[in-house]
């Protein structure tokens, strides 16, 4: 449907193969062997977006040696783990985490 909307031939662009590869990558990321910090970061960003993370944090930009600017989230890991362990809505997620300390 996307190819029809964009009015190009999916066979000519490799679009279908690219989408399948990308989706398989996402599916692979959802299995049980994910790194704990990836799982914790996803949970944290969801909590920040929902305005439920009550500890101090800030977003800022900094320049890499290459001159490129990157955005970074600054916070304390102990605050993240405290939030996950004490927020009522986080109990089941915290219990499922393979790590419990910062």
C-alpha atoms as a PDB file:
ATOM      1  CA  UNK A   1       0.000   0.000   0.000  1.00  0.00           C
ATOM      2  CA  UNK A   2       2.878   2.356   0.731  1.00  0.00           C
ATOM      3  CA  UNK A   3       4.336   1.711  -2.696  1.00  0.00           C
ATOM      4  CA  UNK A   4       0.953   2.383  -4.290  1.00  0.00           C
ATOM      5  CA  UNK A   5       0.646   5.626  -2.344  1.00  0.00           C
ATOM      6  CA  UNK A   6       4.129   6.740  -3.348  1.00  0.00           C
ATOM      7  CA  UNK A   7       3.477   5.564  -6.909  1.00  0.00           C
ATOM      8  CA  UNK A   8       6.584   3.441  -7.386  1.00  0.00           C
ATOM      9  CA  UNK A   9       7.164  -0.189  -8.244  1.00  0.00           C
ATOM     10  CA  UNK A  10       8.217  -2.142  -5.128  1.00  0.00           C
ATOM     11  CA  UNK A  11      10.050  -4.725  -7.251  1.00  0.00           C
ATOM     12  CA  UNK A  12      12.267  -2.045  -8.769  1.00  0.00           C
ATOM     13  CA  UNK A  13      13.336  -0.518  -5.440  1.00  0.00           C
ATOM     14  CA  UNK A  14      13.834  -3.496  -3.133  1.00  0.00           C
ATOM     15  CA  UNK A  15      11.290  -1.919  -0.806  1.00  0.00           C
ATOM     16  CA  UNK A  16       9.677  -5.198   0.232  1.00  0.00           C
ATOM     17  CA  UNK A  17      13.008  -6.810   1.160  1.00  0.00           C
ATOM     18  CA  UNK A  18      14.060  -3.708   3.104  1.00  0.00           C
ATOM     19  CA  UNK A  19      10.794  -3.627   5.078  1.00  0.00           C
ATOM     20  CA  UNK A  20      11.002  -7.348   5.863  1.00  0.00           C
ATOM     21  CA  UNK A  21      14.609  -6.996   7.037  1.00  0.00           C
ATOM     22  CA  UNK A  22      13.742  -3.996   9.196  1.00  0.00           C
ATOM     23  CA  UNK A  23      10.716  -5.696  10.778  1.00  0.00           C
ATOM     24  CA  UNK A  24      12.726  -8.875  11.446  1.00  0.00           C
ATOM     25  CA  UNK A  25      15.292  -6.697  13.209  1.00  0.00           C
ATOM     26  CA  UNK A  26      12.592  -5.187  15.412  1.00  0.00           C
ATOM     27  CA  UNK A  27      11.158  -8.612  16.182  1.00  0.00           C
ATOM     28  CA  UNK A  28      14.614  -9.875  17.143  1.00  0.00           C
ATOM     29  CA  UNK A  29      14.972  -6.935  19.550  1.00  0.00           C
ATOM     30  CA  UNK A  30      11.882  -8.020  21.460  1.00  0.00           C
ATOM     31  CA  UNK A  31      13.145 -11.404  22.597  1.00  0.00           C
ATOM     32  CA  UNK A  32      14.377 -12.233  26.094  1.00  0.00           C
ATOM     33  CA  UNK A  33      18.085 -11.749  25.427  1.00  0.00           C
ATOM     34  CA  UNK A  34      17.985  -7.980  25.107  1.00  0.00           C
ATOM     35  CA  UNK A  35      20.491  -6.019  27.114  1.00  0.00           C
ATOM     36  CA  UNK A  36      18.946  -4.807  30.395  1.00  0.00           C
ATOM     37  CA  UNK A  37      19.997  -1.184  29.822  1.00  0.00           C
ATOM     38  CA  UNK A  38      18.042  -1.108  26.541  1.00  0.00           C
ATOM     39  CA  UNK A  39      14.919  -2.320  28.336  1.00  0.00           C
ATOM     40  CA  UNK A  40      15.431   0.148  31.203  1.00  0.00           C
ATOM     41  CA  UNK A  41      16.011   3.043  28.788  1.00  0.00           C
ATOM     42  CA  UNK A  42      12.789   2.292  26.902  1.00  0.00           C
ATOM     43  CA  UNK A  43      10.851   2.191  30.180  1.00  0.00           C
ATOM     44  CA  UNK A  44      12.519   5.396  31.401  1.00  0.00           C
ATOM     45  CA  UNK A  45      11.759   7.330  28.214  1.00  0.00           C
ATOM     46  CA  UNK A  46       8.144   6.225  28.409  1.00  0.00           C
ATOM     47  CA  UNK A  47       7.942   7.432  32.013  1.00  0.00           C
ATOM     48  CA  UNK A  48       9.535  10.793  31.110  1.00  0.00           C
ATOM     49  CA  UNK A  49       7.132  11.238  28.198  1.00  0.00           C
ATOM     50  CA  UNK A  50       4.203  10.477  30.514  1.00  0.00           C
ATOM     51  CA  UNK A  51       5.482  13.024  33.071  1.00  0.00           C
ATOM     52  CA  UNK A  52       5.728  10.311  35.738  1.00  0.00           C
ATOM     53  CA  UNK A  53       9.509  10.458  36.294  1.00  0.00           C
ATOM     54  CA  UNK A  54       9.817  12.837  39.234  1.00  0.00           C
ATOM     55  CA  UNK A  55      13.599  12.888  39.637  1.00  0.00           C
ATOM     56  CA  UNK A  56      15.758  15.631  38.097  1.00  0.00           C
ATOM     57  CA  UNK A  57      16.948  15.180  34.519  1.00  0.00           C
ATOM     58  CA  UNK A  58      17.793  17.386  31.575  1.00  0.00           C
ATOM     59  CA  UNK A  59      18.311  17.113  27.833  1.00  0.00           C
ATOM     60  CA  UNK A  60      21.278  18.949  26.331  1.00  0.00           C
ATOM     61  CA  UNK A  61      23.402  18.961  23.215  1.00  0.00           C
ATOM     62  CA  UNK A  62      27.153  18.585  22.970  1.00  0.00           C
ATOM     63  CA  UNK A  63      29.675  18.641  20.159  1.00  0.00           C
ATOM     64  CA  UNK A  64      31.599  15.524  19.193  1.00  0.00           C
ATOM     65  CA  UNK A  65      35.230  15.686  18.141  1.00  0.00           C
ATOM     66  CA  UNK A  66      33.992  15.437  14.558  1.00  0.00           C
ATOM     67  CA  UNK A  67      32.078  18.690  15.058  1.00  0.00           C
ATOM     68  CA  UNK A  68      28.697  16.975  14.883  1.00  0.00           C
ATOM     69  CA  UNK A  69      26.163  17.809  17.593  1.00  0.00           C
ATOM     70  CA  UNK A  70      24.453  15.059  19.599  1.00  0.00           C
ATOM     71  CA  UNK A  71      21.559  15.228  22.054  1.00  0.00           C
ATOM     72  CA  UNK A  72      22.015  13.576  25.432  1.00  0.00           C
ATOM     73  CA  UNK A  73      19.870  12.852  28.456  1.00  0.00           C
ATOM     74  CA  UNK A  74      21.580  13.630  31.758  1.00  0.00           C
ATOM     75  CA  UNK A  75      20.335  11.941  34.926  1.00  0.00           C
ATOM     76  CA  UNK A  76      21.452   9.687  37.757  1.00  0.00           C
ATOM     77  CA  UNK A  77      21.193   5.944  37.257  1.00  0.00           C
ATOM     78  CA  UNK A  78      20.286   5.559  40.931  1.00  0.00           C
ATOM     79  CA  UNK A  79      17.261   7.823  40.387  1.00  0.00           C
ATOM     80  CA  UNK A  80      16.107   5.648  37.494  1.00  0.00           C
ATOM     81  CA  UNK A  81      16.346   2.460  39.535  1.00  0.00           C
ATOM     82  CA  UNK A  82      14.666   4.158  42.503  1.00  0.00           C
ATOM     83  CA  UNK A  83      11.769   5.189  40.281  1.00  0.00           C
ATOM     84  CA  UNK A  84      11.437   1.710  38.794  1.00  0.00           C
ATOM     85  CA  UNK A  85      11.477   0.077  42.220  1.00  0.00           C
ATOM     86  CA  UNK A  86       9.063   2.447  43.975  1.00  0.00           C
ATOM     87  CA  UNK A  87       6.542   3.656  41.389  1.00  0.00           C
ATOM     88  CA  UNK A  88       3.378   1.528  41.687  1.00  0.00           C
ATOM     89  CA  UNK A  89       2.906   1.304  37.898  1.00  0.00           C
ATOM     90  CA  UNK A  90       6.457  -0.033  37.534  1.00  0.00           C
ATOM     91  CA  UNK A  91       6.251  -2.955  39.985  1.00  0.00           C
ATOM     92  CA  UNK A  92       5.731  -5.745  37.430  1.00  0.00           C
ATOM     93  CA  UNK A  93       8.364  -4.321  35.080  1.00  0.00           C
ATOM     94  CA  UNK A  94      10.879  -3.916  37.911  1.00  0.00           C
ATOM     95  CA  UNK A  95      10.236  -7.468  39.122  1.00  0.00           C
ATOM     96  CA  UNK A  96      10.963  -8.768  35.609  1.00  0.00           C
ATOM     97  CA  UNK A  97      14.264  -6.904  35.244  1.00  0.00           C
ATOM     98  CA  UNK A  98      17.390  -9.058  35.461  1.00  0.00           C
ATOM     99  CA  UNK A  99      19.177  -6.301  37.404  1.00  0.00           C
ATOM    100  CA  UNK A 100      17.940  -4.370  40.427  1.00  0.00           C
ATOM    101  CA  UNK A 101      20.667  -1.822  41.187  1.00  0.00           C
ATOM    102  CA  UNK A 102      22.288   1.102  39.410  1.00  0.00           C
END
